[in-house]
N, C-alpha and C. Protein backbone atom coordinates (compact mmCIF):
# COMPACT_ATOMS: atom_id res chain seq x y z
N UNK A 1 3.63 -4.28 -13.77
CA UNK A 1 4.30 -3.70 -12.65
C UNK A 1 3.77 -3.02 -11.43
N UNK A 2 2.42 -2.59 -11.70
CA UNK A 2 1.56 -1.92 -10.74
C UNK A 2 1.31 -2.75 -9.45
N UNK A 3 1.48 -4.25 -9.91
CA UNK A 3 0.94 -5.22 -8.93
C UNK A 3 1.68 -5.39 -7.81
N UNK A 4 3.07 -5.28 -7.79
CA UNK A 4 4.00 -5.05 -6.52
C UNK A 4 3.39 -4.30 -5.60
N UNK A 5 3.79 -2.83 -6.06
CA UNK A 5 3.37 -1.96 -4.93
C UNK A 5 2.06 -2.02 -4.37
N UNK A 6 1.00 -2.28 -5.47
CA UNK A 6 -0.30 -2.35 -4.97
C UNK A 6 -0.41 -3.71 -3.82
N UNK A 7 0.01 -4.71 -4.05
CA UNK A 7 -0.01 -5.89 -3.06
C UNK A 7 0.55 -5.73 -1.98
N UNK A 8 1.70 -4.78 -1.79
CA UNK A 8 2.61 -4.44 -0.71
C UNK A 8 1.75 -3.42 0.20
N UNK A 9 0.92 -2.73 -0.58
CA UNK A 9 0.20 -1.46 0.07
C UNK A 9 -1.08 -2.13 0.79
N UNK A 10 -1.72 -3.21 0.06
CA UNK A 10 -2.63 -3.77 0.77
C UNK A 10 -2.24 -4.69 1.97
N UNK A 11 -1.02 -5.34 2.03
CA UNK A 11 -0.64 -5.90 2.95
C UNK A 11 -0.58 -5.20 4.15
N UNK A 12 0.29 -4.00 4.07
CA UNK A 12 0.29 -3.03 4.78
C UNK A 12 -1.05 -2.46 5.58
N UNK A 13 -2.05 -2.19 4.54
CA UNK A 13 -3.40 -1.69 5.25
C UNK A 13 -3.99 -2.66 6.02
N UNK A 14 -3.92 -4.07 5.62
CA UNK A 14 -4.45 -5.35 6.08
C UNK A 14 -3.99 -5.51 7.45
N UNK A 15 -2.57 -5.49 7.64
CA UNK A 15 -2.06 -5.38 8.88
C UNK A 15 -2.25 -4.33 9.96
N UNK A 16 -2.52 -3.28 9.30
CA UNK A 16 -2.69 -1.88 10.29
C UNK A 16 -4.32 -2.04 10.60
N UNK A 17 -5.27 -2.88 9.95
CA UNK A 17 -6.39 -3.15 10.39
C UNK A 17 -6.61 -4.05 11.48
N UNK A 18 -5.97 -5.12 11.20
CA UNK A 18 -5.62 -6.07 12.34
C UNK A 18 -5.39 -5.61 13.65
N UNK A 19 -4.12 -4.76 13.53
CA UNK A 19 -3.70 -4.30 14.73
C UNK A 19 -4.60 -3.24 15.38
N UNK A 20 -5.12 -2.38 14.61
CA UNK A 20 -6.19 -1.49 15.15
C UNK A 20 -7.34 -2.30 15.88
N UNK A 21 -7.83 -3.41 15.36
CA UNK A 21 -8.80 -4.33 15.81
C UNK A 21 -8.54 -4.62 17.07
N UNK A 22 -7.24 -5.11 17.33
CA UNK A 22 -6.67 -5.62 18.66
C UNK A 22 -6.08 -4.66 19.40
N UNK A 23 -6.16 -3.58 19.17
CA UNK A 23 -5.71 -2.46 20.03
C UNK A 23 -6.78 -2.10 21.23
N UNK A 24 -6.16 -1.31 22.40
CA UNK A 24 -7.03 -0.85 23.39
C UNK A 24 -6.69 0.57 23.35
N UNK A 25 -7.62 1.09 24.20
CA UNK A 25 -7.57 2.80 24.51
C UNK A 25 -6.88 2.99 25.62
N UNK A 26 -5.72 3.95 25.72
CA UNK A 26 -4.99 4.16 26.87
C UNK A 26 -5.63 5.26 27.88
N UNK A 27 -4.95 5.58 28.88
CA UNK A 27 -5.58 6.56 29.76
C UNK A 27 -6.11 7.96 28.91
N UNK A 28 -5.61 8.06 27.90
CA UNK A 28 -6.16 9.39 26.91
C UNK A 28 -6.90 8.82 26.10
N UNK A 29 -7.54 7.67 25.95
CA UNK A 29 -8.36 7.42 25.09
C UNK A 29 -8.08 7.13 23.59
N UNK A 30 -6.50 7.09 23.60
CA UNK A 30 -5.88 6.79 22.24
C UNK A 30 -5.71 5.26 22.13
N UNK A 31 -5.86 4.63 21.09
CA UNK A 31 -5.78 3.12 20.71
C UNK A 31 -4.58 2.92 20.29
N UNK A 32 -3.68 2.84 21.51
CA UNK A 32 -1.97 2.53 20.95
C UNK A 32 -1.44 1.51 22.03
N UNK A 33 -2.20 0.92 22.68
CA UNK A 33 -1.88 -0.17 23.58
C UNK A 33 -2.42 -1.49 23.47
N UNK A 34 -1.79 -2.66 24.03
CA UNK A 34 -2.23 -3.71 23.71
C UNK A 34 -2.42 -4.61 25.06
N UNK A 35 -3.85 -5.01 25.17
CA UNK A 35 -4.29 -5.56 26.48
C UNK A 35 -4.36 -6.89 26.66
N UNK A 36 -3.94 -7.81 27.44
CA UNK A 36 -4.13 -9.24 27.59
C UNK A 36 -4.47 -9.58 29.32
N UNK A 37 -5.44 -10.62 29.53
CA UNK A 37 -5.47 -10.82 30.66
C UNK A 37 -4.54 -11.88 31.12
N UNK A 38 -3.87 -11.58 32.05
CA UNK A 38 -2.46 -12.14 32.50
C UNK A 38 -2.34 -12.54 34.05
N UNK A 39 -1.35 -13.11 34.53
CA UNK A 39 -0.99 -13.35 35.91
C UNK A 39 -0.64 -11.95 36.56
N UNK A 40 -1.23 -11.46 37.62
CA UNK A 40 -0.70 -10.32 38.13
C UNK A 40 -0.12 -10.56 39.42
N UNK A 41 -0.18 -11.57 40.22
CA UNK A 41 0.36 -11.69 41.55
C UNK A 41 -0.40 -12.82 42.26
N UNK A 42 0.10 -13.13 43.50
CA UNK A 42 0.05 -14.21 44.25
C UNK A 42 0.37 -14.15 45.66
N UNK A 43 -0.38 -14.85 46.50
CA UNK A 43 -0.04 -14.77 47.97
C UNK A 43 0.72 -16.09 48.30
N UNK A 44 1.35 -16.06 49.50
CA UNK A 44 2.15 -17.06 49.99
C UNK A 44 1.57 -17.32 51.58
N UNK A 45 1.17 -18.60 51.70
CA UNK A 45 0.63 -18.94 53.11
C UNK A 45 1.17 -20.16 53.69
N UNK A 46 2.06 -20.53 54.69
CA UNK A 46 2.54 -21.57 55.16
C UNK A 46 3.33 -22.28 54.04
N UNK A 47 4.14 -21.42 53.44
CA UNK A 47 4.84 -21.88 52.32
C UNK A 47 4.43 -22.54 51.08
N UNK A 48 3.21 -22.15 50.79
CA UNK A 48 2.35 -22.39 49.61
C UNK A 48 1.86 -21.44 49.00
N UNK A 49 1.59 -21.53 47.51
CA UNK A 49 1.13 -20.36 46.88
C UNK A 49 -0.08 -20.51 46.78
N UNK A 50 -0.99 -19.15 47.35
CA UNK A 50 -2.17 -19.00 47.47
C UNK A 50 -2.88 -17.91 46.89
N UNK A 51 -4.02 -17.72 46.52
CA UNK A 51 -4.64 -16.16 46.25
C UNK A 51 -3.85 -15.73 44.89
N UNK A 52 -4.09 -16.59 43.87
CA UNK A 52 -3.38 -16.17 42.60
C UNK A 52 -4.46 -15.17 41.97
N UNK A 53 -3.87 -13.98 41.46
CA UNK A 53 -4.74 -12.91 40.86
C UNK A 53 -4.18 -12.89 39.48
N UNK A 54 -5.35 -12.69 38.69
CA UNK A 54 -4.96 -12.37 37.25
C UNK A 54 -6.12 -10.90 36.92
N UNK A 55 -5.26 -10.31 35.98
CA UNK A 55 -5.73 -8.84 35.67
C UNK A 55 -5.29 -8.52 34.34
N UNK A 56 -5.77 -7.37 33.84
CA UNK A 56 -5.46 -7.00 32.48
C UNK A 56 -4.14 -6.13 32.42
N UNK A 57 -3.29 -6.64 31.49
CA UNK A 57 -2.03 -6.08 31.60
C UNK A 57 -1.81 -5.11 30.11
N UNK A 58 -1.26 -4.02 30.13
CA UNK A 58 -1.34 -3.24 29.18
C UNK A 58 0.35 -3.09 28.53
N UNK A 59 0.36 -3.10 27.42
CA UNK A 59 1.77 -3.17 26.73
C UNK A 59 1.58 -2.43 25.45
N UNK A 60 2.74 -1.38 25.53
CA UNK A 60 2.79 -0.37 24.13
C UNK A 60 3.97 0.13 23.78
N UNK A 61 4.29 0.93 22.94
CA UNK A 61 3.32 1.46 22.17
C UNK A 61 2.99 0.29 21.08
N UNK A 62 1.62 0.14 20.92
CA UNK A 62 1.28 -1.00 19.94
C UNK A 62 0.35 -0.12 18.66
N UNK A 63 0.90 -0.53 17.34
CA UNK A 63 0.33 0.03 16.44
C UNK A 63 -1.12 -0.25 16.19
N UNK A 64 -1.72 0.63 17.12
CA UNK A 64 -3.37 0.59 16.95
C UNK A 64 -3.81 1.66 15.96
N UNK A 65 -5.30 2.09 16.20
CA UNK A 65 -5.75 3.02 15.37
C UNK A 65 -5.04 4.35 15.34
N UNK A 66 -4.43 4.68 16.46
CA UNK A 66 -3.95 5.71 16.64
C UNK A 66 -2.69 6.32 15.77
N UNK A 67 -1.89 5.25 15.36
CA UNK A 67 -0.79 5.25 14.60
C UNK A 67 -1.30 4.84 13.04
N UNK A 68 -2.30 3.81 13.24
CA UNK A 68 -2.51 2.93 11.91
C UNK A 68 -3.33 3.95 10.82
N UNK A 69 -4.21 4.77 11.21
CA UNK A 69 -5.04 5.60 10.59
C UNK A 69 -4.36 6.45 9.74
N UNK A 70 -3.47 7.30 10.39
CA UNK A 70 -2.43 8.09 9.39
C UNK A 70 -1.78 7.60 8.47
N UNK A 71 -1.07 6.25 8.54
CA UNK A 71 -0.28 5.58 8.03
C UNK A 71 -1.10 4.92 6.75
N UNK A 72 -2.23 4.47 6.88
CA UNK A 72 -3.27 3.96 5.93
C UNK A 72 -3.58 5.19 4.99
N UNK A 73 -3.59 6.27 5.46
CA UNK A 73 -4.24 7.38 4.67
C UNK A 73 -3.20 7.73 3.58
N UNK A 74 -1.77 7.87 4.40
CA UNK A 74 -0.57 8.09 3.61
C UNK A 74 -0.27 7.14 2.36
N UNK A 75 -0.62 5.96 2.82
CA UNK A 75 -0.40 4.67 1.96
C UNK A 75 -1.39 4.92 0.67
N UNK A 76 -2.54 5.10 1.19
CA UNK A 76 -3.54 5.27 -0.10
C UNK A 76 -3.23 6.49 -1.18
N UNK A 77 -2.66 7.36 -0.36
CA UNK A 77 -2.03 8.42 -1.39
C UNK A 77 -0.79 8.12 -1.94
N UNK A 78 0.02 7.44 -1.58
CA UNK A 78 1.06 7.12 -2.11
C UNK A 78 0.79 6.23 -3.40
N UNK A 79 -0.02 5.25 -3.05
CA UNK A 79 -0.49 4.30 -4.22
C UNK A 79 -1.10 5.39 -5.36
N UNK A 80 -1.99 6.17 -5.14
CA UNK A 80 -2.32 7.19 -5.91
C UNK A 80 -1.18 7.87 -6.79
N UNK A 81 -0.15 8.33 -6.22
CA UNK A 81 0.82 8.93 -6.88
C UNK A 81 1.75 8.08 -7.66
N UNK A 82 1.68 6.70 -7.39
CA UNK A 82 2.63 5.77 -7.91
C UNK A 82 1.66 5.53 -9.40
N UNK A 83 0.40 5.16 -9.28
CA UNK A 83 -0.39 5.08 -10.27
C UNK A 83 -0.37 6.25 -11.43
N UNK A 84 -0.50 7.39 -10.77
CA UNK A 84 -0.29 8.62 -11.49
C UNK A 84 1.13 8.66 -12.47
N UNK A 85 1.98 8.43 -11.74
CA UNK A 85 3.43 8.36 -12.30
C UNK A 85 3.67 7.33 -13.31
N UNK A 86 2.93 6.07 -13.18
CA UNK A 86 3.13 5.16 -13.95
C UNK A 86 2.40 5.51 -15.36
N UNK A 87 0.80 5.79 -15.11
CA UNK A 87 0.17 6.39 -16.32
C UNK A 87 0.95 7.39 -17.14
N UNK A 88 1.73 8.73 -16.37
CA UNK A 88 2.44 9.57 -17.07
C UNK A 88 3.54 9.00 -18.04
N UNK A 89 4.27 8.11 -17.36
CA UNK A 89 5.46 7.33 -18.25
C UNK A 89 4.71 6.69 -19.38
N UNK A 90 3.42 5.87 -19.07
CA UNK A 90 3.22 5.31 -20.26
C UNK A 90 2.51 6.55 -21.56
N UNK A 91 1.95 7.56 -20.89
CA UNK A 91 1.34 8.32 -22.14
C UNK A 91 2.25 9.41 -22.42
N UNK A 92 3.34 9.21 -22.11
CA UNK A 92 4.32 10.42 -22.54
C UNK A 92 4.57 10.17 -24.17
N UNK A 93 4.80 11.22 -24.73
CA UNK A 93 5.12 11.31 -26.26
C UNK A 93 6.12 10.63 -26.78
N UNK A 94 6.05 9.80 -27.74
CA UNK A 94 7.15 9.13 -28.42
C UNK A 94 8.03 10.13 -29.25
N UNK A 95 9.33 9.88 -29.23
CA UNK A 95 10.40 10.61 -30.00
C UNK A 95 9.76 10.90 -31.60
N UNK A 96 10.07 11.96 -32.21
CA UNK A 96 9.84 12.10 -33.42
C UNK A 96 10.47 11.16 -34.46
N UNK A 97 11.76 10.74 -34.03
CA UNK A 97 12.75 10.01 -34.94
C UNK A 97 12.31 8.80 -34.92
N UNK A 98 12.05 7.73 -35.79
CA UNK A 98 12.17 6.32 -35.47
C UNK A 98 13.30 5.50 -35.15
N UNK A 99 14.28 6.23 -35.23
CA UNK A 99 15.69 5.34 -34.80
C UNK A 99 15.52 5.46 -33.24
N UNK A 100 14.85 6.34 -32.71
CA UNK A 100 15.20 6.49 -31.09
C UNK A 100 14.10 5.76 -30.44
N UNK A 101 13.04 5.00 -31.24
CA UNK A 101 12.17 4.37 -30.31
C UNK A 101 12.65 3.32 -29.52
N UNK A 102 13.66 2.62 -29.86
CA UNK A 102 14.19 1.76 -28.87
C UNK A 102 14.91 2.09 -27.57
N UNK A 103 15.50 3.45 -27.75
CA UNK A 103 15.78 4.20 -26.70
C UNK A 103 14.77 4.61 -25.77
N UNK A 104 13.64 5.19 -26.35
CA UNK A 104 12.59 5.36 -25.68
C UNK A 104 12.02 4.49 -24.87
N UNK A 105 11.93 3.10 -25.54
CA UNK A 105 11.18 2.02 -24.69
C UNK A 105 12.10 1.64 -23.47
N UNK A 106 13.45 1.58 -23.70
CA UNK A 106 14.25 1.51 -22.64
C UNK A 106 14.14 2.47 -21.49
N UNK A 107 13.99 3.64 -21.86
CA UNK A 107 13.78 4.93 -21.01
C UNK A 107 12.41 4.48 -20.04
N UNK A 108 11.44 4.13 -20.88
CA UNK A 108 10.21 3.97 -20.24
C UNK A 108 10.09 2.77 -19.32
N UNK A 109 10.90 1.82 -19.78
CA UNK A 109 11.00 0.44 -18.90
C UNK A 109 11.91 0.83 -17.67
N UNK A 110 13.02 1.60 -17.76
CA UNK A 110 13.73 1.67 -16.61
C UNK A 110 12.91 2.74 -15.42
N UNK A 111 12.32 3.63 -16.03
CA UNK A 111 11.65 4.67 -15.17
C UNK A 111 10.57 4.08 -14.29
N UNK A 112 9.97 3.10 -15.33
CA UNK A 112 8.86 2.22 -14.69
C UNK A 112 9.18 1.33 -13.39
N UNK A 113 10.45 0.52 -13.91
CA UNK A 113 11.12 -0.12 -12.87
C UNK A 113 11.66 0.63 -11.44
N UNK A 114 11.86 1.92 -11.79
CA UNK A 114 12.29 2.83 -10.69
C UNK A 114 11.06 3.03 -9.83
N UNK A 115 10.05 3.70 -10.42
CA UNK A 115 9.02 3.95 -9.67
C UNK A 115 8.37 2.33 -8.87
N UNK A 116 8.43 1.37 -9.39
CA UNK A 116 7.96 0.16 -8.86
C UNK A 116 8.72 -0.11 -7.58
N UNK A 117 10.31 -0.22 -7.96
CA UNK A 117 11.26 -0.62 -7.00
C UNK A 117 11.04 0.38 -5.71
N UNK A 118 11.27 1.68 -5.92
CA UNK A 118 11.21 2.75 -4.76
C UNK A 118 9.84 2.48 -3.96
N UNK A 119 8.71 2.52 -4.70
CA UNK A 119 7.53 2.54 -3.94
C UNK A 119 7.22 1.14 -3.04
N UNK A 120 7.59 0.01 -3.84
CA UNK A 120 7.64 -1.25 -3.16
C UNK A 120 8.58 -1.33 -1.96
N UNK A 121 9.85 -0.75 -2.08
CA UNK A 121 10.55 -0.56 -0.79
C UNK A 121 10.37 0.19 0.41
N UNK A 122 9.73 1.30 -0.16
CA UNK A 122 9.05 2.07 1.16
C UNK A 122 8.09 1.50 1.71
N UNK A 123 6.97 0.97 0.99
CA UNK A 123 6.07 0.38 1.66
C UNK A 123 6.42 -1.11 2.41
N UNK A 124 7.34 -1.75 1.83
CA UNK A 124 7.91 -3.04 2.61
C UNK A 124 8.65 -2.75 3.90
N UNK A 125 9.43 -1.61 3.95
CA UNK A 125 9.95 -1.15 5.23
C UNK A 125 8.93 -0.91 6.17
N UNK A 126 7.76 -0.12 5.81
CA UNK A 126 6.79 0.08 6.80
C UNK A 126 6.00 -1.44 7.23
N UNK A 127 5.82 -2.30 6.16
CA UNK A 127 5.36 -3.60 6.82
C UNK A 127 6.45 -4.30 7.64
N UNK A 128 7.63 -4.29 7.44
CA UNK A 128 8.53 -5.19 8.24
C UNK A 128 8.52 -4.15 9.66
N UNK A 129 8.60 -2.91 9.75
CA UNK A 129 8.32 -2.34 11.21
C UNK A 129 7.20 -2.61 11.74
N UNK A 130 5.94 -2.55 11.09
CA UNK A 130 4.77 -2.98 11.58
C UNK A 130 4.88 -4.32 12.33
N UNK A 131 5.61 -5.39 11.40
CA UNK A 131 5.59 -6.68 12.06
C UNK A 131 6.58 -6.66 13.14
N UNK A 132 7.51 -5.83 13.20
CA UNK A 132 8.53 -6.21 14.21
C UNK A 132 7.91 -5.41 15.49
N UNK A 133 7.17 -4.24 15.47
CA UNK A 133 6.83 -3.62 16.71
C UNK A 133 5.64 -4.39 17.27
N UNK A 134 4.69 -4.75 16.50
CA UNK A 134 3.47 -5.56 16.99
C UNK A 134 4.01 -7.01 17.42
N UNK A 135 4.99 -7.65 16.90
CA UNK A 135 5.73 -8.94 17.08
C UNK A 135 6.22 -8.72 18.63
N UNK A 136 7.15 -7.58 18.85
CA UNK A 136 7.77 -7.29 20.09
C UNK A 136 6.86 -7.24 21.15
N UNK A 137 5.55 -6.46 20.96
CA UNK A 137 4.58 -6.11 22.09
C UNK A 137 3.95 -7.45 22.38
N UNK A 138 3.66 -8.23 21.28
CA UNK A 138 2.81 -9.52 21.61
C UNK A 138 3.84 -10.45 22.36
N UNK A 139 5.07 -10.46 22.02
CA UNK A 139 6.13 -11.23 22.70
C UNK A 139 5.97 -11.18 24.14
N UNK A 140 6.08 -9.81 24.49
CA UNK A 140 6.16 -9.36 25.85
C UNK A 140 4.89 -9.58 26.50
N UNK A 141 4.01 -9.38 26.02
CA UNK A 141 2.68 -9.47 26.64
C UNK A 141 2.28 -11.21 26.81
N UNK A 142 2.83 -11.99 25.96
CA UNK A 142 2.47 -13.31 26.22
C UNK A 142 3.39 -13.98 27.00
N UNK A 143 4.27 -13.27 27.93
CA UNK A 143 5.11 -14.22 28.94
C UNK A 143 4.38 -13.96 30.46
N UNK A 144 4.08 -14.93 30.99
CA UNK A 144 3.54 -14.95 32.20
C UNK A 144 4.37 -15.36 33.37
N UNK A 145 4.59 -14.85 34.60
CA UNK A 145 5.15 -15.19 35.59
C UNK A 145 4.82 -16.70 36.22
N UNK A 146 5.60 -17.37 36.63
CA UNK A 146 5.33 -18.48 37.43
C UNK A 146 5.22 -18.52 38.61
N UNK A 147 4.19 -18.61 39.53
CA UNK A 147 3.88 -18.39 40.78
C UNK A 147 5.01 -19.32 41.66
N UNK A 148 5.71 -18.64 42.64
CA UNK A 148 6.67 -19.42 43.51
C UNK A 148 6.75 -19.03 44.91
N UNK A 149 6.69 -19.88 45.93
CA UNK A 149 6.67 -19.95 47.17
C UNK A 149 7.99 -19.27 47.62
N UNK A 150 8.94 -19.42 47.01
CA UNK A 150 10.31 -18.62 47.37
C UNK A 150 10.25 -17.28 47.24
N UNK A 151 10.24 -16.32 48.12
CA UNK A 151 10.02 -15.05 48.22
C UNK A 151 11.37 -14.25 47.72
N UNK A 152 12.27 -15.19 47.81
CA UNK A 152 13.90 -14.45 47.43
C UNK A 152 14.27 -14.88 46.11
N UNK A 153 13.42 -15.75 45.45
CA UNK A 153 13.86 -16.23 44.03
C UNK A 153 13.42 -15.21 42.99
N UNK A 154 13.67 -15.14 41.84
CA UNK A 154 13.10 -14.49 40.69
C UNK A 154 12.12 -15.35 40.03
N UNK A 155 10.90 -14.79 39.75
CA UNK A 155 9.96 -15.60 39.22
C UNK A 155 10.21 -15.83 37.86
N UNK A 156 10.11 -17.06 37.46
CA UNK A 156 10.38 -17.69 36.00
C UNK A 156 9.08 -17.07 35.25
N UNK A 157 9.26 -17.01 33.79
CA UNK A 157 8.22 -16.80 32.92
C UNK A 157 8.00 -18.02 32.18
N UNK A 158 6.70 -18.25 31.68
CA UNK A 158 6.14 -19.26 30.65
C UNK A 158 5.71 -18.43 29.56
N UNK A 159 6.02 -18.91 28.44
CA UNK A 159 5.16 -18.24 27.20
C UNK A 159 3.84 -18.99 27.17
N UNK A 160 3.07 -17.80 26.77
CA UNK A 160 1.37 -18.34 26.67
C UNK A 160 1.20 -18.34 25.39
N UNK A 161 0.86 -19.67 24.91
CA UNK A 161 0.56 -19.92 23.26
C UNK A 161 -0.87 -19.72 22.88
N UNK A 162 -1.22 -19.51 21.80
CA UNK A 162 -0.43 -19.40 20.44
C UNK A 162 -0.03 -18.08 20.27
N UNK A 163 -0.15 -17.11 21.28
CA UNK A 163 0.41 -15.67 21.27
C UNK A 163 1.75 -15.58 20.97
N UNK A 164 2.34 -16.37 21.81
CA UNK A 164 3.91 -16.08 21.95
C UNK A 164 4.56 -16.59 20.50
N UNK A 165 4.05 -17.78 20.07
CA UNK A 165 4.64 -18.16 18.60
C UNK A 165 4.18 -17.37 17.66
N UNK A 166 3.10 -16.65 17.65
CA UNK A 166 2.69 -15.56 16.59
C UNK A 166 3.71 -14.50 16.72
N UNK A 167 4.06 -14.18 18.00
CA UNK A 167 4.77 -13.08 18.10
C UNK A 167 5.95 -13.12 17.38
N UNK A 168 6.81 -14.58 17.64
CA UNK A 168 8.05 -14.78 17.16
C UNK A 168 7.99 -15.05 15.70
N UNK A 169 6.91 -15.30 15.12
CA UNK A 169 6.61 -15.66 13.58
C UNK A 169 6.62 -14.10 12.95
N UNK A 170 5.93 -13.20 13.53
CA UNK A 170 5.98 -11.85 13.25
C UNK A 170 7.26 -11.22 13.18
N UNK A 171 8.25 -11.44 14.36
CA UNK A 171 9.63 -10.97 14.33
C UNK A 171 10.41 -11.36 13.32
N UNK A 172 10.11 -12.77 12.99
CA UNK A 172 11.20 -13.24 12.10
C UNK A 172 10.65 -12.83 10.67
N UNK A 173 9.33 -12.48 10.56
CA UNK A 173 9.04 -12.23 9.16
C UNK A 173 9.20 -10.73 8.94
N UNK A 174 9.56 -10.06 9.91
CA UNK A 174 9.70 -8.66 9.58
C UNK A 174 11.26 -8.46 9.11
N UNK A 175 12.11 -9.70 9.76
CA UNK A 175 13.48 -9.65 9.01
C UNK A 175 13.58 -9.92 7.70
N UNK A 176 12.52 -10.83 7.38
CA UNK A 176 12.59 -11.18 5.76
C UNK A 176 12.19 -10.12 5.09
N UNK A 177 10.97 -9.60 5.53
CA UNK A 177 10.42 -8.19 4.65
C UNK A 177 11.44 -7.22 4.66
N UNK A 178 12.35 -6.97 5.52
CA UNK A 178 13.32 -5.90 5.62
C UNK A 178 14.25 -6.39 4.70
N UNK A 179 14.69 -7.65 4.34
CA UNK A 179 15.78 -7.77 3.62
C UNK A 179 15.14 -7.62 1.89
N UNK A 180 14.08 -8.22 1.82
CA UNK A 180 13.44 -7.90 0.55
C UNK A 180 13.25 -6.49 0.22
N UNK A 181 12.76 -5.38 1.10
CA UNK A 181 12.98 -4.11 1.15
C UNK A 181 14.14 -3.58 0.32
N UNK A 182 15.36 -4.29 1.40
CA UNK A 182 16.72 -3.73 0.92
C UNK A 182 17.09 -3.90 -0.46
N UNK A 183 16.65 -5.21 -0.91
CA UNK A 183 16.91 -5.69 -2.05
C UNK A 183 16.19 -4.76 -3.12
N UNK A 184 14.94 -4.36 -2.98
CA UNK A 184 14.17 -3.40 -3.96
C UNK A 184 14.95 -2.13 -4.02
N UNK A 185 15.45 -1.61 -2.81
CA UNK A 185 15.91 -0.37 -2.54
C UNK A 185 17.32 -0.29 -3.41
N UNK A 186 18.24 -1.58 -3.45
CA UNK A 186 19.28 -1.60 -4.14
C UNK A 186 18.94 -1.52 -5.61
N UNK A 187 17.87 -2.44 -5.96
CA UNK A 187 17.59 -2.37 -7.38
C UNK A 187 17.32 -0.90 -8.14
N UNK A 188 16.48 -0.15 -7.04
CA UNK A 188 16.16 1.37 -7.46
C UNK A 188 17.31 1.87 -7.80
N UNK A 189 18.54 2.00 -7.07
CA UNK A 189 19.70 2.67 -6.94
C UNK A 189 20.55 2.26 -8.30
N UNK A 190 20.50 0.87 -8.62
CA UNK A 190 21.10 0.36 -9.86
C UNK A 190 20.14 0.91 -11.14
N UNK A 191 18.96 1.06 -10.95
CA UNK A 191 18.23 1.50 -12.11
C UNK A 191 18.39 2.94 -12.22
N UNK A 192 18.85 3.99 -11.22
CA UNK A 192 19.06 5.27 -11.46
C UNK A 192 20.16 5.48 -12.24
N UNK A 193 21.39 4.73 -12.32
CA UNK A 193 22.63 4.58 -12.85
C UNK A 193 22.50 4.25 -14.33
N UNK A 194 21.46 3.18 -14.62
CA UNK A 194 21.17 2.78 -15.93
C UNK A 194 20.47 4.01 -16.48
N UNK A 195 19.27 4.33 -15.88
CA UNK A 195 18.74 5.60 -16.36
C UNK A 195 19.35 6.74 -17.02
N UNK A 196 20.47 7.21 -16.12
CA UNK A 196 21.00 8.21 -16.46
C UNK A 196 22.04 8.07 -17.76
N UNK A 197 22.33 6.80 -17.85
CA UNK A 197 23.19 6.20 -19.11
C UNK A 197 22.29 6.45 -20.07
N UNK A 198 20.98 5.66 -20.25
CA UNK A 198 20.14 5.87 -21.37
C UNK A 198 19.83 7.22 -21.68
N UNK A 199 19.42 8.06 -20.73
CA UNK A 199 19.31 9.53 -20.95
C UNK A 199 20.40 10.23 -21.66
N UNK A 200 21.72 9.87 -21.34
CA UNK A 200 22.71 10.47 -22.28
C UNK A 200 22.70 10.03 -23.51
N UNK A 201 22.60 8.64 -23.66
CA UNK A 201 22.21 7.97 -24.99
C UNK A 201 21.32 8.80 -26.03
N UNK A 202 20.27 9.06 -25.24
CA UNK A 202 19.01 9.55 -26.01
C UNK A 202 19.29 10.94 -26.28
N UNK A 203 20.03 11.83 -25.62
CA UNK A 203 20.58 12.98 -25.84
C UNK A 203 21.54 13.29 -26.96
N UNK A 204 22.51 12.41 -27.01
CA UNK A 204 23.50 12.48 -28.02
C UNK A 204 22.84 11.95 -29.39
N UNK A 205 22.02 10.90 -29.07
CA UNK A 205 21.33 10.57 -30.42
C UNK A 205 20.35 11.22 -31.30
N UNK A 206 19.56 12.14 -30.35
CA UNK A 206 18.59 13.04 -30.89
C UNK A 206 19.18 13.91 -31.73
N UNK A 207 18.74 13.86 -33.15
CA UNK A 207 19.20 14.89 -34.07
C UNK A 207 18.67 16.29 -34.13
N UNK A 208 17.61 16.50 -33.27
CA UNK A 208 16.99 17.69 -32.97
C UNK A 208 16.12 18.09 -34.10
N UNK A 209 15.60 19.31 -34.02
CA UNK A 209 14.83 19.72 -35.18
C UNK A 209 15.32 19.88 -36.39
N UNK A 210 14.68 19.68 -37.46
CA UNK A 210 15.18 19.79 -38.69
C UNK A 210 15.63 21.07 -39.00
């Protein structure tokens, strides 16, 4: 059961490391923007495009180290809490009455599923947000204007590959991950109802001390 939240956490941390490596420092020295060399302007002479200029363009906010390091720390702390919770559920004392063993097993299973589902949903929503934000920044950054000699026309844009396609994949993936996170959240809510029902059965079935 611990495998799903752990895998989700590792995916989130890996994504934050990648965005951190590709981030750049802004004017305040904080790594929260994305920079790329792109077309910045051009001149027009005798009705022709001349003197095309390229420069570094910055887009943000980008999930670089400034945002990523605190999220990575909180993710590690969350995984520790999840592991501790699962260990506590497994190590809880069994009921004294053998007739309640099946109820106790059901309670342990439901509690484990609840911890797994809620933690995985929380982490998956963060993964979806990371993909959506990074994907949108990359999409905007990988659109270059097309030089035109018509000073009255609005310059068209052309996608720069492979960055533009990767950005679209990230945005679409964020939707898929968000749906999966929503399913896990719904699963956790249904487990809460089952857990309360099982706890009522356990209380009514417990004969108490002799």
